[in-house]
Protein backbone atom coordinates (compact mmCIF):
# COMPACT_ATOMS: atom_id res chain seq x y z
CA UNK A 1 103.82 73.32 111.52
CA UNK A 2 106.74 75.04 113.11
CA UNK A 3 106.64 79.60 113.58
CA UNK A 4 109.62 79.28 110.94
CA UNK A 5 107.72 76.58 108.12
CA UNK A 6 104.48 79.10 108.73
CA UNK A 7 107.12 81.78 107.79
CA UNK A 8 108.63 80.38 104.90
CA UNK A 9 105.43 78.80 103.32
CA UNK A 10 103.08 82.04 103.91
CA UNK A 11 105.52 83.98 101.91
CA UNK A 12 106.61 81.31 99.31
CA UNK A 13 102.17 81.53 98.36
CA UNK A 14 102.02 84.84 98.65
CA UNK A 15 104.12 85.39 96.15
CA UNK A 16 102.86 82.70 93.49
CA UNK A 17 99.01 83.99 94.24
CA UNK A 18 101.21 87.63 93.95
CA UNK A 19 102.92 86.14 90.46
CA UNK A 20 99.23 84.68 89.35
CA UNK A 21 97.49 87.29 89.42
CA UNK A 22 99.59 89.53 87.39
CA UNK A 23 100.15 87.07 85.06
CA UNK A 24 96.25 86.81 84.66
CA UNK A 25 94.88 90.58 84.22
CA UNK A 26 96.75 91.02 80.92
CA UNK A 27 96.13 87.19 79.69
CA UNK A 28 93.02 87.57 79.94
CA UNK A 29 93.10 90.02 77.16
CA UNK A 30 94.99 87.87 75.50
CA UNK A 31 93.07 85.10 75.38
CA UNK A 32 89.93 87.08 74.15
CA UNK A 33 92.00 88.69 71.26
CA UNK A 34 93.14 85.15 70.36
CA UNK A 35 96.65 85.99 71.14
CA UNK A 36 97.40 83.04 73.90
CA UNK A 37 100.50 82.47 71.40
CA UNK A 38 102.25 86.27 71.63
CA UNK A 39 102.22 85.86 75.84
CA UNK A 40 104.31 82.37 74.90
CA UNK A 41 106.50 83.97 72.69
CA UNK A 42 107.07 87.61 75.04
CA UNK A 43 108.10 85.14 77.92
CA UNK A 44 110.28 83.27 76.35
CA UNK A 45 111.53 86.45 74.03
CA UNK A 46 112.03 88.42 77.14
CA UNK A 47 115.16 85.91 78.36
CA UNK A 48 117.94 87.62 75.92
CA UNK A 49 116.78 91.10 77.52
CA UNK A 50 117.33 89.31 80.67
CA UNK A 51 120.39 88.00 80.43
CA UNK A 52 122.17 91.37 78.75
CA UNK A 53 120.90 93.00 82.04
CA UNK A 54 122.56 90.27 84.07
CA UNK A 55 125.53 90.22 82.35
CA UNK A 56 125.95 94.70 82.25
CA UNK A 57 125.05 94.06 85.81
CA UNK A 58 126.37 91.15 87.58
CA UNK A 59 122.91 91.71 89.26
CA UNK A 60 119.07 90.32 89.34
CA UNK A 61 117.63 93.78 91.50
CA UNK A 62 118.81 95.84 88.63
CA UNK A 63 116.38 97.89 86.66
CA UNK A 64 118.57 97.43 83.15
CA UNK A 65 116.75 94.08 83.38
CA UNK A 66 113.45 95.87 82.80
CA UNK A 67 114.42 97.46 80.35
CA UNK A 68 115.90 95.39 78.09
CA UNK A 69 113.52 92.50 78.81
CA UNK A 70 110.61 94.74 77.20
CA UNK A 71 112.70 96.13 74.62
CA UNK A 72 112.67 92.22 73.63
CA UNK A 73 108.88 91.94 74.25
CA UNK A 74 108.73 94.50 71.70
CA UNK A 75 111.11 93.68 69.21
CA UNK A 76 109.09 89.92 69.46
CA UNK A 77 105.80 91.91 68.44
CA UNK A 78 107.42 93.83 65.81
CA UNK A 79 109.59 90.91 63.75
CA UNK A 80 106.33 88.56 63.86
CA UNK A 81 104.39 91.50 62.94
CA UNK A 82 106.57 92.31 60.18
CA UNK A 83 107.50 88.81 59.26
CA UNK A 84 103.67 88.06 58.77
CA UNK A 85 103.38 91.61 56.81
CA UNK A 86 106.20 91.14 54.97
CA UNK A 87 107.45 87.68 54.35
CA UNK A 88 103.72 86.58 54.30
CA UNK A 89 104.17 84.18 56.88
CA UNK A 90 101.45 82.58 58.84
CA UNK A 91 100.81 84.69 62.23
CA UNK A 92 101.80 82.16 64.46
CA UNK A 93 104.48 80.53 62.77
CA UNK A 94 105.99 84.30 62.53
CA UNK A 95 105.60 84.19 66.24
CA UNK A 96 107.08 80.52 66.43
CA UNK A 97 110.39 81.51 64.90
CA UNK A 98 110.89 85.25 66.25
CA UNK A 99 110.62 83.54 70.14
CA UNK A 100 112.01 80.19 69.51
CA UNK A 101 115.39 82.60 67.85
CA UNK A 102 115.38 84.94 70.71
CA UNK A 103 115.19 82.13 73.48
CA UNK A 104 117.90 79.87 72.13
CA UNK A 105 119.98 83.40 72.06
CA UNK A 106 119.11 83.97 75.63
CA UNK A 107 119.59 80.35 76.97
CA UNK A 108 123.15 81.06 75.12
CA UNK A 109 124.29 83.99 76.92
CA UNK A 110 123.17 82.81 80.50
CA UNK A 111 125.02 79.88 79.63
CA UNK A 112 128.16 81.51 78.22
CA UNK A 113 128.00 83.32 81.54
CA UNK A 114 126.92 81.40 84.03
CA UNK A 115 130.45 81.29 85.53
CA UNK A 116 130.16 85.30 86.31
CA UNK A 117 126.15 86.27 86.96
CA UNK A 118 124.94 84.48 90.00
CA UNK A 119 122.11 82.65 87.88
CA UNK A 120 121.33 78.97 87.89
CA UNK A 121 120.86 78.30 83.61
CA UNK A 122 117.85 75.14 85.48
CA UNK A 123 115.99 78.28 86.98
CA UNK A 124 115.78 80.13 84.04
CA UNK A 125 113.04 77.34 82.79
CA UNK A 126 110.93 76.86 86.07
CA UNK A 127 112.62 79.62 88.54
CA UNK A 128 113.10 79.33 92.50
CA UNK A 129 110.23 80.06 93.91
CA UNK A 130 111.29 78.11 97.20
CA UNK A 131 113.93 80.51 97.96
CA UNK A 132 112.56 83.47 97.06
CA UNK A 133 111.86 84.30 100.71
CA UNK A 134 115.52 83.95 102.12
CA UNK A 135 116.08 87.46 99.65
CA UNK A 136 114.95 89.82 101.74
CA UNK A 137 114.67 93.19 101.36
CA UNK A 138 113.96 96.67 104.44
CA UNK A 139 111.19 98.43 103.29
CA UNK A 140 111.79 102.34 103.88
CA UNK A 141 109.18 103.89 106.53
CA UNK A 142 108.05 100.69 108.01
CA UNK A 143 110.71 100.12 111.28
CA UNK A 144 112.98 97.93 109.86
CA UNK A 145 109.42 95.42 107.95
CA UNK A 146 111.37 92.62 105.83
CA UNK A 147 110.01 91.26 103.05
CA UNK A 148 111.50 89.16 99.87
CA UNK A 149 112.63 91.18 97.75
CA UNK A 150 110.06 88.79 94.56
CA UNK A 151 107.06 89.75 96.63
CA UNK A 152 107.88 93.12 96.47
CA UNK A 153 109.21 93.33 92.33
CA UNK A 154 105.42 91.02 92.09
CA UNK A 155 103.49 93.40 93.83
CA UNK A 156 104.62 96.77 92.53
CA UNK A 157 103.94 94.97 88.91
CA UNK A 158 100.40 93.88 89.83
CA UNK A 159 99.55 97.69 91.13
CA UNK A 160 100.93 98.96 87.66
CA UNK A 161 98.21 96.23 86.07
CA UNK A 162 95.43 97.04 88.22
CA UNK A 163 96.46 100.34 87.74
CA UNK A 164 96.37 100.68 83.67
CA UNK A 165 93.62 98.43 83.56
CA UNK A 166 91.21 100.70 85.13
CA UNK A 167 92.34 103.22 83.39
CA UNK A 168 91.82 102.32 80.27
CA UNK A 169 89.58 99.61 80.95
CA UNK A 170 86.73 101.09 78.65
CA UNK A 171 89.76 101.52 75.40
CA UNK A 172 90.93 97.95 76.04
CA UNK A 173 87.65 96.32 76.47
CA UNK A 174 86.99 97.93 72.61
CA UNK A 175 89.46 97.10 71.40
CA UNK A 176 89.23 93.32 72.32
CA UNK A 177 86.09 92.71 70.96
CA UNK A 178 86.21 95.47 67.78
CA UNK A 179 88.98 96.92 67.13
CA UNK A 180 87.88 98.62 64.13
CA UNK A 181 84.56 100.75 66.37
CA UNK A 182 87.55 101.47 68.34
CA UNK A 183 89.02 103.30 65.44
CA UNK A 184 85.82 104.72 64.54
CA UNK A 185 85.68 106.71 67.82
CA UNK A 186 88.90 108.06 67.34
CA UNK A 187 91.18 105.63 69.91
CA UNK A 188 94.00 103.63 68.35
CA UNK A 189 93.79 100.55 69.10
CA UNK A 190 97.95 99.40 68.02
CA UNK A 191 98.42 101.82 70.74
CA UNK A 192 96.29 99.64 72.89
CA UNK A 193 98.06 96.38 71.27
CA UNK A 194 101.51 97.88 72.35
CA UNK A 195 100.08 99.02 75.72
CA UNK A 196 99.30 95.08 76.04
CA UNK A 197 102.84 93.85 74.85
CA UNK A 198 104.56 96.07 77.53
CA UNK A 199 102.06 94.99 80.27
CA UNK A 200 102.88 91.15 79.45
CA UNK A 201 106.59 91.96 79.12
CA UNK A 202 107.03 93.54 82.59
CA UNK A 203 105.07 90.74 84.19
CA UNK A 204 107.32 88.28 82.38
CA UNK A 205 110.14 90.05 83.78
CA UNK A 206 108.72 90.72 87.37
CA UNK A 207 107.82 86.72 87.37
CA UNK A 208 110.93 85.74 85.95
CA UNK A 209 113.00 85.40 89.37
CA UNK A 210 110.53 82.99 91.34
CA UNK A 211 108.42 81.25 88.13
CA UNK A 212 110.73 81.18 85.65
CA UNK A 213 110.22 81.72 81.78
CA UNK A 214 107.78 78.37 80.86
CA UNK A 215 105.21 78.25 84.50
CA UNK A 216 104.94 82.11 83.82
CA UNK A 217 103.28 80.81 80.32
CA UNK A 218 100.76 78.78 82.43
CA UNK A 219 100.30 81.70 84.44
CA UNK A 220 99.36 84.11 82.07
CA UNK A 221 97.12 81.91 79.93
CA UNK A 222 95.73 78.89 82.18
CA UNK A 223 93.92 81.26 84.60
CA UNK A 224 92.16 83.14 81.98
CA UNK A 225 91.06 80.03 79.31
CA UNK A 226 89.25 78.35 83.04
CA UNK A 227 87.46 81.94 83.89
CA UNK A 228 85.87 81.93 80.39
CA UNK A 229 84.03 79.53 80.44
CA UNK A 230 82.38 80.54 83.31
CA UNK A 231 82.03 84.22 81.94
CA UNK A 232 80.45 86.38 79.56
CA UNK A 233 81.13 89.79 80.72
CA UNK A 234 84.28 91.29 80.48
CA UNK A 235 85.11 92.36 84.23
CA UNK A 236 83.32 89.00 85.64
CA UNK A 237 85.57 86.46 83.86
CA UNK A 238 89.11 89.63 84.64
CA UNK A 239 87.68 88.31 88.88
CA UNK A 240 87.38 85.14 87.99
CA UNK A 241 90.84 84.72 86.81
CA UNK A 242 92.22 85.94 89.58
CA UNK A 243 90.52 83.56 91.63
CA UNK A 244 90.94 80.90 89.90
CA UNK A 245 94.72 82.22 89.30
CA UNK A 246 95.03 82.49 93.78
CA UNK A 247 93.46 78.40 93.98
CA UNK A 248 96.20 77.46 92.14
CA UNK A 249 98.89 79.10 93.30
CA UNK A 250 97.89 78.09 96.80
CA UNK A 251 97.13 74.93 95.54
CA UNK A 252 100.25 74.72 93.99
CA UNK A 253 101.85 74.54 96.94
CA UNK A 254 100.59 72.58 99.15
CA UNK A 255 100.50 69.64 96.77
CA UNK A 256 104.54 70.55 95.96
CA UNK A 257 104.72 70.00 99.86
CA UNK A 258 102.65 67.21 100.49
CA UNK A 259 101.69 65.20 97.25
CA UNK A 260 105.82 63.75 96.61
CA UNK A 261 105.11 62.20 100.09
CA UNK A 262 102.48 60.41 99.55
CA UNK A 263 103.95 58.56 95.90
CA UNK A 264 107.47 58.15 97.64
CA UNK A 265 109.01 61.10 95.32
CA UNK A 266 111.66 63.67 97.28
CA UNK A 267 110.87 66.79 95.83
CA UNK A 268 109.23 69.07 93.07
CA UNK A 269 109.07 72.16 92.48
CA UNK A 270 106.15 74.35 93.36
CA UNK A 271 106.13 76.31 90.22
CA UNK A 272 105.59 73.02 88.40
CA UNK A 273 102.84 72.19 90.63
CA UNK A 274 101.09 75.93 90.39
CA UNK A 275 100.67 74.58 86.71
CA UNK A 276 99.84 71.42 87.39
CA UNK A 277 97.39 72.62 89.82
CA UNK A 278 96.21 75.48 86.53
CA UNK A 279 95.35 72.50 84.63
CA UNK A 280 93.66 70.60 87.08
CA UNK A 281 91.40 73.70 87.43
CA UNK A 282 90.88 73.44 83.52
CA UNK A 283 90.28 70.43 83.46
CA UNK A 284 87.57 70.74 85.69
CA UNK A 285 86.17 73.57 84.55
CA UNK A 286 85.80 71.94 81.32
CA UNK A 287 83.52 69.15 82.84
CA UNK A 288 81.44 71.11 84.60
CA UNK A 289 80.93 74.55 83.07
CA UNK A 290 77.34 75.89 82.78
CA UNK A 291 77.52 76.67 79.13
CA UNK A 292 79.44 74.00 77.25
CA UNK A 293 80.48 71.47 80.06
CA UNK A 294 80.84 67.73 79.25
CA UNK A 295 78.62 66.96 82.52
CA UNK A 296 76.21 69.37 81.84
CA UNK A 297 75.73 69.00 78.56
CA UNK A 298 75.76 65.41 78.72
CA UNK A 299 73.21 65.59 81.33
CA UNK A 300 70.94 68.03 79.40
CA UNK A 301 70.94 65.39 76.47
CA UNK A 302 70.35 62.80 79.08
CA UNK A 303 66.66 64.54 79.72
CA UNK A 304 66.36 64.96 76.61
CA UNK A 305 66.74 61.75 75.32
CA UNK A 306 64.19 60.14 78.62
CA UNK A 307 62.15 62.85 77.75
CA UNK A 308 61.13 61.80 74.07
CA UNK A 309 60.93 58.25 75.28
CA UNK A 310 58.29 59.04 77.33
CA UNK A 311 56.68 61.62 75.25
CA UNK A 312 57.38 58.82 72.44
CA UNK A 313 55.49 56.34 74.53
CA UNK A 314 52.48 58.34 75.19
CA UNK A 315 52.37 59.22 70.89
CA UNK A 316 52.57 55.32 70.83
CA UNK A 317 49.99 54.66 73.18
CA UNK A 318 47.45 57.37 71.80
CA UNK A 319 47.65 55.72 67.80
CA UNK A 320 47.25 52.21 69.01
CA UNK A 321 43.76 53.38 70.88
CA UNK A 322 43.71 54.97 68.13
CA UNK A 323 43.28 51.94 65.58
CA UNK A 324 41.64 50.13 68.11
CA UNK A 325 43.64 48.21 69.77
CA UNK A 326 45.09 47.90 73.98
CA UNK A 327 48.68 48.90 74.20
CA UNK A 328 50.63 46.74 76.97
CA UNK A 329 54.02 46.62 78.41
CA UNK A 330 54.91 43.61 75.59
CA UNK A 331 54.07 45.64 72.67
CA UNK A 332 54.98 49.37 73.31
CA UNK A 333 58.32 48.07 74.12
CA UNK A 334 58.37 45.99 71.69
CA UNK A 335 56.62 49.46 69.08
CA UNK A 336 58.93 51.50 70.30
CA UNK A 337 62.31 49.98 69.89
CA UNK A 338 61.32 49.30 66.16
CA UNK A 339 60.71 53.05 65.52
CA UNK A 340 63.78 54.05 67.47
CA UNK A 341 67.97 52.49 68.69
CA UNK A 342 66.29 52.62 72.25
CA UNK A 343 67.17 49.84 74.79
CA UNK A 344 64.54 47.47 76.38
CA UNK A 345 65.95 48.71 79.79
CA UNK A 346 65.34 52.65 78.97
CA UNK A 347 62.23 51.52 77.36
CA UNK A 348 60.96 49.61 80.80
CA UNK A 349 62.29 52.32 83.66
CA UNK A 350 60.22 55.45 81.69
CA UNK A 351 57.34 53.16 81.27
CA UNK A 352 57.14 52.58 85.30
CA UNK A 353 57.87 56.45 85.49
CA UNK A 354 55.00 57.27 83.04
CA UNK A 355 53.17 54.96 85.64
CA UNK A 356 54.84 56.75 88.73
CA UNK A 357 53.00 60.25 87.57
CA UNK A 358 49.69 59.27 86.15
CA UNK A 359 50.42 59.40 82.71
CA UNK A 360 49.65 55.90 82.33
CA UNK A 361 46.86 53.69 84.30
CA UNK A 362 47.91 49.79 84.21
CA UNK A 363 45.22 47.02 84.20
CA UNK A 364 46.67 43.11 84.28
CA UNK A 365 49.24 43.53 81.16
CA UNK A 366 46.64 46.57 79.21
CA UNK A 367 47.79 50.02 79.71
CA UNK A 368 45.60 52.76 79.21
CA UNK A 369 45.92 56.73 79.07
CA UNK A 370 44.86 58.63 81.84
CA UNK A 371 43.50 61.77 81.51
CA UNK A 372 46.72 63.91 81.88
CA UNK A 373 48.96 61.42 79.52
CA UNK A 374 46.08 62.06 76.76
CA UNK A 375 46.21 65.73 77.09
CA UNK A 376 50.26 65.27 76.43
CA UNK A 377 49.68 62.36 73.75
CA UNK A 378 47.09 64.48 71.36
CA UNK A 379 49.03 67.29 71.77
CA UNK A 380 52.07 65.68 70.30
CA UNK A 381 50.05 63.56 67.85
CA UNK A 382 48.86 67.04 66.88
CA UNK A 383 51.87 68.44 67.03
CA UNK A 384 53.14 65.68 64.78
CA UNK A 385 50.47 65.47 61.53
CA UNK A 386 50.71 69.53 61.69
CA UNK A 387 54.61 69.15 60.18
CA UNK A 388 53.93 66.72 58.39
CA UNK A 389 50.95 69.07 55.94
CA UNK A 390 53.03 71.35 56.69
CA UNK A 391 56.22 69.80 55.02
CA UNK A 392 54.47 68.63 52.55
CA UNK A 393 52.96 71.52 51.75
CA UNK A 394 55.62 74.68 52.04
CA UNK A 395 59.02 72.53 52.03
CA UNK A 396 57.75 70.23 48.77
CA UNK A 397 58.35 66.67 50.64
CA UNK A 398 56.99 63.71 48.94
CA UNK A 399 54.19 62.49 51.76
CA UNK A 400 56.55 59.36 52.52
CA UNK A 401 59.18 61.27 53.86
CA UNK A 402 58.21 63.39 56.19
CA UNK A 403 57.43 61.00 59.30
CA UNK A 404 61.06 61.24 59.98
CA UNK A 405 61.38 64.66 60.18
CA UNK A 406 58.46 64.67 61.95
CA UNK A 407 58.85 62.47 64.79
CA UNK A 408 62.16 65.33 65.19
CA UNK A 409 59.87 68.39 65.37
CA UNK A 410 57.19 67.14 67.57
CA UNK A 411 59.42 67.38 70.33
CA UNK A 412 59.97 70.62 70.42
CA UNK A 413 57.21 72.25 68.70
CA UNK A 414 54.92 74.92 71.58
CA UNK A 415 51.44 76.29 71.27
CA UNK A 416 52.84 79.66 69.44
CA UNK A 417 53.93 76.76 66.82
CA UNK A 418 51.30 74.77 66.62
CA UNK A 419 49.50 77.78 65.24
CA UNK A 420 51.14 78.86 63.03
CA UNK A 421 51.56 75.56 61.93
CA UNK A 422 48.01 75.59 61.63
CA UNK A 423 47.57 78.77 60.62
CA UNK A 424 50.18 78.42 56.76
CA UNK A 425 48.81 75.35 55.92
CA UNK A 426 45.03 76.31 56.23
CA UNK A 427 44.11 74.29 59.70
CA UNK A 428 44.25 71.06 57.76
CA UNK A 429 41.39 67.78 58.89
CA UNK A 430 43.92 65.59 58.20
CA UNK A 431 47.58 64.41 57.45
CA UNK A 432 49.28 64.01 53.96
CA UNK A 433 48.31 59.89 55.25
CA UNK A 434 44.90 60.42 55.34
CA UNK A 435 44.88 60.37 59.22
CA UNK A 436 42.89 62.70 61.29
CA UNK A 437 44.97 65.99 63.01
CA UNK A 438 43.62 66.07 66.79
CA UNK A 439 42.76 69.30 67.98
């Protein structure tokens, strides 16, 4: 890789990463307040303000652009609330109406002024991140150091967002989780709402040239949603969202450079691949996050299934011995398949597991409970029959309807619960079916 490539790619990643982190900070609060669509609305609705700034000044670097975009963002929030309050329109529908109309007006203004303003209408959608390092400005008091203008813009906005959140973190946090408590403590949640809208609008405008008005929505929302899957505290969510934003920016540019050659494409926009990378990280988060992830939940479900199968085998062997029988592999497999919807393979695998752990011992075809296995089985049968006694006595369920419920509850009953069941049922010696309850 040449020195020029390192310089060019490095600045693209730096601009994308700074932009992504600046976007995700207000995005976290939008997600927590269930206002993700408002971020989408503002990112689209600021377009008329940007277009008017372009048409008035003929330049992309004038402060009028920021002022117009922020005003457009406030108008979006105002008209959405006005429609919801006075027009009795659903909140989502109100935002959808407002931002689509304003976005359409902005596109018309840009298309009409495209000949006189240095703005490609297609860049409105996905930006021009690949060309951002070519537009350099000289920093004062640095001895002639040149940086891309887009990086300087988003870096300033990132700093503003960090300072604002640092100074108003407590107010933002309370307003996000409990607006009524914020009002009771003398805070003004409406002010926090408008400040959040201003941060979102300002960040959207700063990111507009680099990633456009469509991809910026992904930068605002996707890292925050991904972090929400893993974080239970606000500060942790903000940090994780920033990490995911940085990762999506870096992976997005690398994918845009390398991936097209692998599948035969000429090139793809870096901003689009950043959104795709963020989506991939979100998909991975949905799969692996420890609380609600698909894979951890599946693992926990299968572990519980195997645990209940093993415990059912132990209790079944105990009951067969209670009736004077001699449990065998075939008998245990047949009886458990009849009692529960369990495959023959699962039962045979669990029998081998119980034999290897010393809960069972096998002599020819006969399977016997060891001391360890008998203790576990006795505890399970006691839990089962205590539940049957409690369901019949306290819940008023007929004795012939308590078995299935007790079968499920016996697997989640601990010692304290068994003692309480025995106490509430008067420490019975027999279950409702006339069978003894073991000690």
